Amino acid sequence: MSPVLEAEYSGARRPPLSRAGRSYRSTETGLISQNRMAAEAGKRADLDLQISLLTEHELTNVADVLNGVARHLQIESGSQADLDESSRSIAPERVLDKIEETNLR
């Protein structure tokens, strides 16, 4: 066994790292931290998108109910076009496809 390996296994203290070694270790630690933060940011963005899509779906349902109530009560809205547009359902797949298309550019 080499002297270096013997020192490792015998429990002997390691010599202190050189300035370059400390710099490398510091850089490595920083990059690992940045990668972890980037992964967390990606997860947060995915969750935010899912919540936004769910909110959009729920608001579309609310708009449909309001349109139905207004028709039942024979209330005419000055902004019927806006109500009709807000009650149109948005396909989450189309939104995701559009996001991917934008990211590929």
PDB file of N, CA and C in Angstrom:
ATOM      1  N   MET A   1       0.854  -1.164   0.000  1.00  0.00           N
ATOM      2  CA  MET A   1       0.000   0.000   0.000  1.00  0.00           C
ATOM      3  C   MET A   1       0.902   1.229   0.000  1.00  0.00           C
ATOM      4  N   SER A   2       0.453   2.261  -0.734  1.00  0.00           N
ATOM      5  CA  SER A   2       1.267   3.468  -0.825  1.00  0.00           C
ATOM      6  C   SER A   2       1.240   4.227   0.504  1.00  0.00           C
ATOM      7  N   PRO A   3       2.258   5.051   0.745  1.00  0.00           N
ATOM      8  CA  PRO A   3       2.291   5.824   1.997  1.00  0.00           C
ATOM      9  C   PRO A   3       1.082   6.750   2.149  1.00  0.00           C
ATOM     10  N   VAL A   4       0.588   7.275   1.055  1.00  0.00           N
ATOM     11  CA  VAL A   4      -0.565   8.177   1.126  1.00  0.00           C
ATOM     12  C   VAL A   4      -1.790   7.403   1.597  1.00  0.00           C
ATOM     13  N   LEU A   5      -2.002   6.213   1.006  1.00  0.00           N
ATOM     14  CA  LEU A   5      -3.141   5.399   1.413  1.00  0.00           C
ATOM     15  C   LEU A   5      -2.995   4.911   2.845  1.00  0.00           C
ATOM     16  N   GLU A   6      -1.770   4.566   3.240  1.00  0.00           N
ATOM     17  CA  GLU A   6      -1.559   4.138   4.619  1.00  0.00           C
ATOM     18  C   GLU A   6      -1.919   5.250   5.585  1.00  0.00           C
ATOM     19  N   ALA A   7      -1.546   6.475   5.233  1.00  0.00           N
ATOM     20  CA  ALA A   7      -1.868   7.613   6.099  1.00  0.00           C
ATOM     21  C   ALA A   7      -3.382   7.803   6.161  1.00  0.00           C
ATOM     22  N   GLU A   8      -4.055   7.608   5.029  1.00  0.00           N
ATOM     23  CA  GLU A   8      -5.512   7.742   5.005  1.00  0.00           C
ATOM     24  C   GLU A   8      -6.170   6.742   5.949  1.00  0.00           C
ATOM     25  N   TYR A   9      -5.723   5.493   5.867  1.00  0.00           N
ATOM     26  CA  TYR A   9      -6.353   4.443   6.654  1.00  0.00           C
ATOM     27  C   TYR A   9      -5.894   4.426   8.105  1.00  0.00           C
ATOM     28  N   SER A  10      -4.760   4.983   8.383  1.00  0.00           N
ATOM     29  CA  SER A  10      -4.260   4.945   9.758  1.00  0.00           C
ATOM     30  C   SER A  10      -4.856   6.060  10.614  1.00  0.00           C
ATOM     31  N   GLY A  11      -5.627   6.931  10.008  1.00  0.00           N
ATOM     32  CA  GLY A  11      -6.259   7.994  10.769  1.00  0.00           C
ATOM     33  C   GLY A  11      -5.356   9.206  10.939  1.00  0.00           C
ATOM     34  N   ALA A  12      -4.257   9.246  10.236  1.00  0.00           N
ATOM     35  CA  ALA A  12      -3.351  10.389  10.342  1.00  0.00           C
ATOM     36  C   ALA A  12      -4.023  11.619   9.749  1.00  0.00           C
ATOM     37  N   ARG A  13      -3.655  12.767  10.274  1.00  0.00           N
ATOM     38  CA  ARG A  13      -4.221  14.018   9.770  1.00  0.00           C
ATOM     39  C   ARG A  13      -3.779  14.267   8.344  1.00  0.00           C
ATOM     40  N   ARG A  14      -4.688  14.809   7.577  1.00  0.00           N
ATOM     41  CA  ARG A  14      -4.346  15.187   6.211  1.00  0.00           C
ATOM     42  C   ARG A  14      -3.628  16.522   6.251  1.00  0.00           C
ATOM     43  N   PRO A  15      -2.735  16.715   5.328  1.00  0.00           N
ATOM     44  CA  PRO A  15      -2.097  18.036   5.264  1.00  0.00           C
ATOM     45  C   PRO A  15      -3.136  19.072   4.839  1.00  0.00           C
ATOM     46  N   PRO A  16      -2.990  20.311   5.276  1.00  0.00           N
ATOM     47  CA  PRO A  16      -3.963  21.343   4.904  1.00  0.00           C
ATOM     48  C   PRO A  16      -3.975  21.535   3.391  1.00  0.00           C
ATOM     49  N   LEU A  17      -5.140  21.903   2.881  1.00  0.00           N
ATOM     50  CA  LEU A  17      -5.270  22.126   1.448  1.00  0.00           C
ATOM     51  C   LEU A  17      -4.499  23.373   1.046  1.00  0.00           C
ATOM     52  N   SER A  18      -3.967  23.334  -0.148  1.00  0.00           N
ATOM     53  CA  SER A  18      -3.294  24.514  -0.686  1.00  0.00           C
ATOM     54  C   SER A  18      -4.342  25.567  -1.022  1.00  0.00           C
ATOM     55  N   ARG A  19      -3.907  26.744  -1.357  1.00  0.00           N
ATOM     56  CA  ARG A  19      -4.835  27.812  -1.719  1.00  0.00           C
ATOM     57  C   ARG A  19      -5.673  27.391  -2.928  1.00  0.00           C
ATOM     58  N   ALA A  20      -5.042  26.742  -3.893  1.00  0.00           N
ATOM     59  CA  ALA A  20      -5.764  26.277  -5.079  1.00  0.00           C
ATOM     60  C   ALA A  20      -6.780  25.202  -4.686  1.00  0.00           C
ATOM     61  N   GLY A  21      -6.402  24.330  -3.781  1.00  0.00           N
ATOM     62  CA  GLY A  21      -7.315  23.281  -3.321  1.00  0.00           C
ATOM     63  C   GLY A  21      -8.518  23.862  -2.605  1.00  0.00           C
ATOM     64  N   ARG A  22      -8.276  24.874  -1.759  1.00  0.00           N
ATOM     65  CA  ARG A  22      -9.384  25.526  -1.059  1.00  0.00           C
ATOM     66  C   ARG A  22     -10.287  26.250  -2.050  1.00  0.00           C
ATOM     67  N   SER A  23      -9.672  26.889  -3.045  1.00  0.00           N
ATOM     68  CA  SER A  23     -10.438  27.597  -4.060  1.00  0.00           C
ATOM     69  C   SER A  23     -11.301  26.621  -4.858  1.00  0.00           C
ATOM     70  N   TYR A  24     -10.715  25.477  -5.214  1.00  0.00           N
ATOM     71  CA  TYR A  24     -11.459  24.456  -5.954  1.00  0.00           C
ATOM     72  C   TYR A  24     -12.634  23.948  -5.128  1.00  0.00           C
ATOM     73  N   ARG A  25     -12.382  23.648  -3.864  1.00  0.00           N
ATOM     74  CA  ARG A  25     -13.443  23.128  -3.000  1.00  0.00           C
ATOM     75  C   ARG A  25     -14.546  24.174  -2.827  1.00  0.00           C
ATOM     76  N   SER A  26     -14.156  25.435  -2.681  1.00  0.00           N
ATOM     77  CA  SER A  26     -15.129  26.506  -2.528  1.00  0.00           C
ATOM     78  C   SER A  26     -15.964  26.653  -3.797  1.00  0.00           C
ATOM     79  N   THR A  27     -15.315  26.589  -4.951  1.00  0.00           N
ATOM     80  CA  THR A  27     -16.022  26.684  -6.226  1.00  0.00           C
ATOM     81  C   THR A  27     -16.970  25.517  -6.399  1.00  0.00           C
ATOM     82  N   GLU A  28     -16.507  24.332  -6.061  1.00  0.00           N
ATOM     83  CA  GLU A  28     -17.331  23.131  -6.180  1.00  0.00           C
ATOM     84  C   GLU A  28     -18.578  23.252  -5.293  1.00  0.00           C
ATOM     85  N   THR A  29     -18.389  23.697  -4.077  1.00  0.00           N
ATOM     86  CA  THR A  29     -19.506  23.860  -3.149  1.00  0.00           C
ATOM     87  C   THR A  29     -20.486  24.908  -3.682  1.00  0.00           C
ATOM     88  N   GLY A  30     -19.961  25.992  -4.226  1.00  0.00           N
ATOM     89  CA  GLY A  30     -20.813  27.035  -4.790  1.00  0.00           C
ATOM     90  C   GLY A  30     -21.634  26.540  -5.964  1.00  0.00           C
ATOM     91  N   LEU A  31     -21.009  25.756  -6.833  1.00  0.00           N
ATOM     92  CA  LEU A  31     -21.724  25.225  -7.994  1.00  0.00           C
ATOM     93  C   LEU A  31     -22.813  24.240  -7.578  1.00  0.00           C
ATOM     94  N   ILE A  32     -22.516  23.411  -6.598  1.00  0.00           N
ATOM     95  CA  ILE A  32     -23.520  22.467  -6.100  1.00  0.00           C
ATOM     96  C   ILE A  32     -24.705  23.237  -5.530  1.00  0.00           C
ATOM     97  N   SER A  33     -24.413  24.293  -4.785  1.00  0.00           N
ATOM     98  CA  SER A  33     -25.474  25.114  -4.200  1.00  0.00           C
ATOM     99  C   SER A  33     -26.302  25.787  -5.294  1.00  0.00           C
ATOM    100  N   GLN A  34     -25.636  26.294  -6.330  1.00  0.00           N
ATOM    101  CA  GLN A  34     -26.358  26.932  -7.433  1.00  0.00           C
ATOM    102  C   GLN A  34     -27.244  25.925  -8.160  1.00  0.00           C
ATOM    103  N   ASN A  35     -26.732  24.716  -8.376  1.00  0.00           N
ATOM    104  CA  ASN A  35     -27.533  23.683  -9.038  1.00  0.00           C
ATOM    105  C   ASN A  35     -28.763  23.344  -8.214  1.00  0.00           C
ATOM    106  N   ARG A  36     -28.583  23.237  -6.912  1.00  0.00           N
ATOM    107  CA  ARG A  36     -29.712  22.926  -6.025  1.00  0.00           C
ATOM    108  C   ARG A  36     -30.739  24.051  -6.066  1.00  0.00           C
ATOM    109  N   MET A  37     -30.278  25.291  -6.031  1.00  0.00           N
ATOM    110  CA  MET A  37     -31.191  26.427  -6.067  1.00  0.00           C
ATOM    111  C   MET A  37     -31.921  26.498  -7.405  1.00  0.00           C
ATOM    112  N   ALA A  38     -31.230  26.176  -8.498  1.00  0.00           N
ATOM    113  CA  ALA A  38     -31.863  26.180  -9.817  1.00  0.00           C
ATOM    114  C   ALA A  38     -32.936  25.097  -9.896  1.00  0.00           C
ATOM    115  N   ALA A  39     -32.662  23.934  -9.332  1.00  0.00           N
ATOM    116  CA  ALA A  39     -33.653  22.848  -9.330  1.00  0.00           C
ATOM    117  C   ALA A  39     -34.880  23.251  -8.515  1.00  0.00           C
ATOM    118  N   GLU A  40     -34.663  23.884  -7.374  1.00  0.00           N
ATOM    119  CA  GLU A  40     -35.779  24.343  -6.548  1.00  0.00           C
ATOM    120  C   GLU A  40     -36.586  25.415  -7.268  1.00  0.00           C
ATOM    121  N   ALA A  41     -35.902  26.311  -7.972  1.00  0.00           N
ATOM    122  CA  ALA A  41     -36.599  27.361  -8.724  1.00  0.00           C
ATOM    123  C   ALA A  41     -37.444  26.742  -9.835  1.00  0.00           C
ATOM    124  N   GLY A  42     -36.923  25.703 -10.470  1.00  0.00           N
ATOM    125  CA  GLY A  42     -37.688  25.009 -11.505  1.00  0.00           C
ATOM    126  C   GLY A  42     -38.931  24.357 -10.939  1.00  0.00           C
ATOM    127  N   LYS A  43     -38.795  23.734  -9.778  1.00  0.00           N
ATOM    128  CA  LYS A  43     -39.965  23.105  -9.136  1.00  0.00           C
ATOM    129  C   LYS A  43     -40.998  24.157  -8.759  1.00  0.00           C
ATOM    130  N   ARG A  44     -40.522  25.304  -8.239  1.00  0.00           N
ATOM    131  CA  ARG A  44     -41.443  26.379  -7.880  1.00  0.00           C
ATOM    132  C   ARG A  44     -42.171  26.909  -9.111  1.00  0.00           C
ATOM    133  N   ALA A  45     -41.452  27.050 -10.217  1.00  0.00           N
ATOM    134  CA  ALA A  45     -42.069  27.534 -11.455  1.00  0.00           C
ATOM    135  C   ALA A  45     -43.119  26.548 -11.952  1.00  0.00           C
ATOM    136  N   ASP A  46     -42.819  25.256 -11.882  1.00  0.00           N
ATOM    137  CA  ASP A  46     -43.797  24.238 -12.290  1.00  0.00           C
ATOM    138  C   ASP A  46     -45.044  24.295 -11.421  1.00  0.00           C
ATOM    139  N   LEU A  47     -44.851  24.419 -10.126  1.00  0.00           N
ATOM    140  CA  LEU A  47     -45.982  24.499  -9.200  1.00  0.00           C
ATOM    141  C   LEU A  47     -46.797  25.757  -9.470  1.00  0.00           C
ATOM    142  N   ASP A  48     -46.129  26.865  -9.708  1.00  0.00           N
ATOM    143  CA  ASP A  48     -46.809  28.127 -10.002  1.00  0.00           C
ATOM    144  C   ASP A  48     -47.647  27.993 -11.269  1.00  0.00           C
ATOM    145  N   LEU A  49     -47.104  27.328 -12.289  1.00  0.00           N
ATOM    146  CA  LEU A  49     -47.847  27.126 -13.528  1.00  0.00           C
ATOM    147  C   LEU A  49     -49.074  26.260 -13.283  1.00  0.00           C
ATOM    148  N   GLN A  50     -48.918  25.197 -12.526  1.00  0.00           N
ATOM    149  CA  GLN A  50     -50.057  24.324 -12.231  1.00  0.00           C
ATOM    150  C   GLN A  50     -51.147  25.073 -11.472  1.00  0.00           C
ATOM    151  N   ILE A  51     -50.750  25.884 -10.513  1.00  0.00           N
ATOM    152  CA  ILE A  51     -51.728  26.663  -9.741  1.00  0.00           C
ATOM    153  C   ILE A  51     -52.429  27.671 -10.650  1.00  0.00           C
ATOM    154  N   SER A  52     -51.672  28.304 -11.528  1.00  0.00           N
ATOM    155  CA  SER A  52     -52.271  29.277 -12.451  1.00  0.00           C
ATOM    156  C   SER A  52     -53.269  28.607 -13.384  1.00  0.00           C
ATOM    157  N   LEU A  53     -52.923  27.431 -13.899  1.00  0.00           N
ATOM    158  CA  LEU A  53     -53.839  26.713 -14.790  1.00  0.00           C
ATOM    159  C   LEU A  53     -55.103  26.277 -14.055  1.00  0.00           C
ATOM    160  N   LEU A  54     -54.932  25.820 -12.821  1.00  0.00           N
ATOM    161  CA  LEU A  54     -56.097  25.417 -12.021  1.00  0.00           C
ATOM    162  C   LEU A  54     -56.983  26.626 -11.720  1.00  0.00           C
ATOM    163  N   THR A  55     -56.368  27.748 -11.385  1.00  0.00           N
ATOM    164  CA  THR A  55     -57.123  28.973 -11.111  1.00  0.00           C
ATOM    165  C   THR A  55     -57.896  29.409 -12.353  1.00  0.00           C
ATOM    166  N   GLU A  56     -57.232  29.355 -13.507  1.00  0.00           N
ATOM    167  CA  GLU A  56     -57.891  29.720 -14.762  1.00  0.00           C
ATOM    168  C   GLU A  56     -59.092  28.820 -15.023  1.00  0.00           C
ATOM    169  N   HIS A  57     -58.941  27.544 -14.769  1.00  0.00           N
ATOM    170  CA  HIS A  57     -60.034  26.583 -14.960  1.00  0.00           C
ATOM    171  C   HIS A  57     -61.207  26.903 -14.025  1.00  0.00           C
ATOM    172  N   GLU A  58     -60.894  27.161 -12.776  1.00  0.00           N
ATOM    173  CA  GLU A  58     -61.945  27.467 -11.802  1.00  0.00           C
ATOM    174  C   GLU A  58     -62.653  28.776 -12.139  1.00  0.00           C
ATOM    175  N   LEU A  59     -61.901  29.787 -12.556  1.00  0.00           N
ATOM    176  CA  LEU A  59     -62.516  31.069 -12.921  1.00  0.00           C
ATOM    177  C   LEU A  59     -63.381  30.933 -14.162  1.00  0.00           C
ATOM    178  N   THR A  60     -62.998  30.052 -15.069  1.00  0.00           N
ATOM    179  CA  THR A  60     -63.828  29.781 -16.240  1.00  0.00           C
ATOM    180  C   THR A  60     -65.164  29.188 -15.811  1.00  0.00           C
ATOM    181  N   ASN A  61     -65.119  28.263 -14.843  1.00  0.00           N
ATOM    182  CA  ASN A  61     -66.368  27.679 -14.330  1.00  0.00           C
ATOM    183  C   ASN A  61     -67.240  28.738 -13.665  1.00  0.00           C
ATOM    184  N   VAL A  62     -66.626  29.633 -12.904  1.00  0.00           N
ATOM    185  CA  VAL A  62     -67.379  30.713 -12.246  1.00  0.00           C
ATOM    186  C   VAL A  62     -68.027  31.606 -13.301  1.00  0.00           C
ATOM    187  N   ALA A  63     -67.296  31.938 -14.364  1.00  0.00           N
ATOM    188  CA  ALA A  63     -67.848  32.778 -15.426  1.00  0.00           C
ATOM    189  C   ALA A  63     -69.026  32.090 -16.106  1.00  0.00           C
ATOM    190  N   ASP A  64     -68.926  30.777 -16.303  1.00  0.00           N
ATOM    191  CA  ASP A  64     -70.047  30.029 -16.890  1.00  0.00           C
ATOM    192  C   ASP A  64     -71.286  30.123 -16.003  1.00  0.00           C
ATOM    193  N   VAL A  65     -71.112  29.944 -14.706  1.00  0.00           N
ATOM    194  CA  VAL A  65     -72.237  30.016 -13.769  1.00  0.00           C
ATOM    195  C   VAL A  65     -72.849  31.416 -13.789  1.00  0.00           C
ATOM    196  N   LEU A  66     -72.009  32.431 -13.766  1.00  0.00           N
ATOM    197  CA  LEU A  66     -72.522  33.811 -13.793  1.00  0.00           C
ATOM    198  C   LEU A  66     -73.277  34.098 -15.078  1.00  0.00           C
ATOM    199  N   ASN A  67     -72.771  33.613 -16.201  1.00  0.00           N
ATOM    200  CA  ASN A  67     -73.479  33.792 -17.472  1.00  0.00           C
ATOM    201  C   ASN A  67     -74.842  33.106 -17.417  1.00  0.00           C
ATOM    202  N   GLY A  68     -74.878  31.903 -16.839  1.00  0.00           N
ATOM    203  CA  GLY A  68     -76.141  31.176 -16.710  1.00  0.00           C
ATOM    204  C   GLY A  68     -77.133  31.915 -15.828  1.00  0.00           C
ATOM    205  N   VAL A  69     -76.665  32.457 -14.719  1.00  0.00           N
ATOM    206  CA  VAL A  69     -77.538  33.214 -13.810  1.00  0.00           C
ATOM    207  C   VAL A  69     -78.050  34.468 -14.512  1.00  0.00           C
ATOM    208  N   ALA A  70     -77.173  35.152 -15.222  1.00  0.00           N
ATOM    209  CA  ALA A  70     -77.581  36.378 -15.925  1.00  0.00           C
ATOM    210  C   ALA A  70     -78.632  36.060 -16.982  1.00  0.00           C
ATOM    211  N   ARG A  71     -78.445  34.963 -17.729  1.00  0.00           N
ATOM    212  CA  ARG A  71     -79.444  34.574 -18.726  1.00  0.00           C
ATOM    213  C   ARG A  71     -80.772  34.219 -18.056  1.00  0.00           C
ATOM    214  N   HIS A  72     -80.702  33.475 -16.957  1.00  0.00           N
ATOM    215  CA  HIS A  72     -81.910  33.061 -16.239  1.00  0.00           C
ATOM    216  C   HIS A  72     -82.693  34.272 -15.724  1.00  0.00           C
ATOM    217  N   LEU A  73     -81.979  35.258 -15.232  1.00  0.00           N
ATOM    218  CA  LEU A  73     -82.624  36.473 -14.707  1.00  0.00           C
ATOM    219  C   LEU A  73     -82.890  37.499 -15.803  1.00  0.00           C
ATOM    220  N   GLN A  74     -82.547  37.124 -17.021  1.00  0.00           N
ATOM    221  CA  GLN A  74     -82.729  37.991 -18.190  1.00  0.00           C
ATOM    222  C   GLN A  74     -82.041  39.347 -18.008  1.00  0.00           C
ATOM    223  N   ILE A  75     -80.829  39.266 -17.523  1.00  0.00           N
ATOM    224  CA  ILE A  75     -80.014  40.470 -17.348  1.00  0.00           C
ATOM    225  C   ILE A  75     -79.065  40.548 -18.534  1.00  0.00           C
ATOM    226  N   GLU A  76     -79.113  41.693 -19.211  1.00  0.00           N
ATOM    227  CA  GLU A  76     -78.210  41.877 -20.337  1.00  0.00           C
ATOM    228  C   GLU A  76     -77.003  42.674 -19.862  1.00  0.00           C
ATOM    229  N   SER A  77     -75.863  42.179 -20.220  1.00  0.00           N
ATOM    230  CA  SER A  77     -74.630  42.843 -19.810  1.00  0.00           C
ATOM    231  C   SER A  77     -74.105  43.693 -20.958  1.00  0.00           C
ATOM    232  N   GLY A  78     -73.589  44.857 -20.595  1.00  0.00           N
ATOM    233  CA  GLY A  78     -72.984  45.722 -21.606  1.00  0.00           C
ATOM    234  C   GLY A  78     -71.684  45.140 -22.130  1.00  0.00           C
ATOM    235  N   SER A  79     -71.104  44.254 -21.363  1.00  0.00           N
ATOM    236  CA  SER A  79     -69.828  43.650 -21.764  1.00  0.00           C
ATOM    237  C   SER A  79     -69.993  42.149 -21.978  1.00  0.00           C
ATOM    238  N   GLN A  80     -71.034  41.773 -22.721  1.00  0.00           N
ATOM    239  CA  GLN A  80     -71.293  40.360 -22.962  1.00  0.00           C
ATOM    240  C   GLN A  80     -70.125  39.681 -23.665  1.00  0.00           C
ATOM    241  N   ALA A  81     -69.459  40.408 -24.534  1.00  0.00           N
ATOM    242  CA  ALA A  81     -68.305  39.832 -25.247  1.00  0.00           C
ATOM    243  C   ALA A  81     -67.207  39.442 -24.258  1.00  0.00           C
ATOM    244  N   ASP A  82     -66.991  40.286 -23.245  1.00  0.00           N
ATOM    245  CA  ASP A  82     -65.978  39.967 -22.224  1.00  0.00           C
ATOM    246  C   ASP A  82     -66.385  38.736 -21.427  1.00  0.00           C
ATOM    247  N   LEU A  83     -67.689  38.650 -21.073  1.00  0.00           N
ATOM    248  CA  LEU A  83     -68.166  37.492 -20.332  1.00  0.00           C
ATOM    249  C   LEU A  83     -68.029  36.216 -21.155  1.00  0.00           C
ATOM    250  N   ASP A  84     -68.362  36.314 -22.437  1.00  0.00           N
ATOM    251  CA  ASP A  84     -68.240  35.140 -23.303  1.00  0.00           C
ATOM    252  C   ASP A  84     -66.783  34.698 -23.417  1.00  0.00           C
ATOM    253  N   GLU A  85     -65.890  35.668 -23.544  1.00  0.00           N
ATOM    254  CA  GLU A  85     -64.462  35.330 -23.657  1.00  0.00           C
ATOM    255  C   GLU A  85     -63.942  34.697 -22.370  1.00  0.00           C
ATOM    256  N   SER A  86     -64.376  35.209 -21.230  1.00  0.00           N
ATOM    257  CA  SER A  86     -63.885  34.675 -19.957  1.00  0.00           C
ATOM    258  C   SER A  86     -64.454  33.295 -19.652  1.00  0.00           C
ATOM    259  N   SER A  87     -65.570  32.955 -20.299  1.00  0.00           N
ATOM    260  CA  SER A  87     -66.142  31.640 -20.040  1.00  0.00           C
ATOM    261  C   SER A  87     -65.627  30.586 -21.017  1.00  0.00           C
ATOM    262  N   ARG A  88     -64.783  31.007 -21.965  1.00  0.00           N
ATOM    263  CA  ARG A  88     -64.175  30.040 -22.882  1.00  0.00           C
ATOM    264  C   ARG A  88     -63.092  29.260 -22.157  1.00  0.00           C
ATOM    265  N   SER A  89     -63.140  27.975 -22.300  1.00  0.00           N
ATOM    266  CA  SER A  89     -62.180  27.104 -21.610  1.00  0.00           C
ATOM    267  C   SER A  89     -60.826  27.145 -22.322  1.00  0.00           C
ATOM    268  N   ILE A  90     -59.765  27.133 -21.535  1.00  0.00           N
ATOM    269  CA  ILE A  90     -58.406  27.115 -22.080  1.00  0.00           C
ATOM    270  C   ILE A  90     -57.818  25.740 -21.830  1.00  0.00           C
ATOM    271  N   ALA A  91     -57.295  25.142 -22.877  1.00  0.00           N
ATOM    272  CA  ALA A  91     -56.705  23.806 -22.753  1.00  0.00           C
ATOM    273  C   ALA A  91     -55.300  23.923 -22.172  1.00  0.00           C
ATOM    274  N   PRO A  92     -55.038  23.303 -21.008  1.00  0.00           N
ATOM    275  CA  PRO A  92     -53.703  23.380 -20.413  1.00  0.00           C
ATOM    276  C   PRO A  92     -52.614  22.850 -21.346  1.00  0.00           C
ATOM    277  N   GLU A  93     -52.953  21.864 -22.177  1.00  0.00           N
ATOM    278  CA  GLU A  93     -51.958  21.302 -23.092  1.00  0.00           C
ATOM    279  C   GLU A  93     -51.476  22.359 -24.074  1.00  0.00           C
ATOM    280  N   ARG A  94     -52.409  23.201 -24.545  1.00  0.00           N
ATOM    281  CA  ARG A  94     -52.014  24.262 -25.475  1.00  0.00           C
ATOM    282  C   ARG A  94     -51.099  25.274 -24.802  1.00  0.00           C
ATOM    283  N   VAL A  95     -51.388  25.570 -23.552  1.00  0.00           N
ATOM    284  CA  VAL A  95     -50.545  26.517 -22.810  1.00  0.00           C
ATOM    285  C   VAL A  95     -49.138  25.941 -22.655  1.00  0.00           C
ATOM    286  N   LEU A  96     -49.053  24.673 -22.257  1.00  0.00           N
ATOM    287  CA  LEU A  96     -47.751  24.034 -22.078  1.00  0.00           C
ATOM    288  C   LEU A  96     -46.993  23.940 -23.393  1.00  0.00           C
ATOM    289  N   ASP A  97     -47.703  23.615 -24.472  1.00  0.00           N
ATOM    290  CA  ASP A  97     -47.057  23.553 -25.795  1.00  0.00           C
ATOM    291  C   ASP A  97     -46.501  24.915 -26.185  1.00  0.00           C
ATOM    292  N   LYS A  98     -47.257  25.967 -25.914  1.00  0.00           N
ATOM    293  CA  LYS A  98     -46.817  27.319 -26.245  1.00  0.00           C
ATOM    294  C   LYS A  98     -45.578  27.707 -25.427  1.00  0.00           C
ATOM    295  N   ILE A  99     -45.561  27.303 -24.148  1.00  0.00           N
ATOM    296  CA  ILE A  99     -44.397  27.589 -23.290  1.00  0.00           C
ATOM    297  C   ILE A  99     -43.175  26.865 -23.824  1.00  0.00           C
ATOM    298  N   GLU A 100     -43.323  25.582 -24.165  1.00  0.00           N
ATOM    299  CA  GLU A 100     -42.196  24.816 -24.708  1.00  0.00           C
ATOM    300  C   GLU A 100     -41.709  25.416 -26.022  1.00  0.00           C
ATOM    301  N   GLU A 101     -42.653  25.832 -26.857  1.00  0.00           N
ATOM    302  CA  GLU A 101     -42.289  26.442 -28.137  1.00  0.00           C
ATOM    303  C   GLU A 101     -41.480  27.724 -27.915  1.00  0.00           C
ATOM    304  N   THR A 102     -41.900  28.510 -26.947  1.00  0.00           N
ATOM    305  CA  THR A 102     -41.201  29.753 -26.628  1.00  0.00           C
ATOM    306  C   THR A 102     -39.808  29.464 -26.074  1.00  0.00           C
ATOM    307  N   ASN A 103     -39.685  28.429 -25.245  1.00  0.00           N
ATOM    308  CA  ASN A 103     -38.393  28.092 -24.653  1.00  0.00           C
ATOM    309  C   ASN A 103     -37.402  27.565 -25.678  1.00  0.00           C
ATOM    310  N   LEU A 104     -37.893  26.961 -26.753  1.00  0.00           N
ATOM    311  CA  LEU A 104     -37.002  26.408 -27.781  1.00  0.00           C
ATOM    312  C   LEU A 104     -36.418  27.481 -28.682  1.00  0.00           C
ATOM    313  N   ARG A 105     -37.001  28.650 -28.677  1.00  0.00           N
ATOM    314  CA  ARG A 105     -36.506  29.732 -29.544  1.00  0.00           C
ATOM    315  C   ARG A 105     -35.217  30.283 -29.074  1.00  0.00           C
TER     316      ARG A 105
END
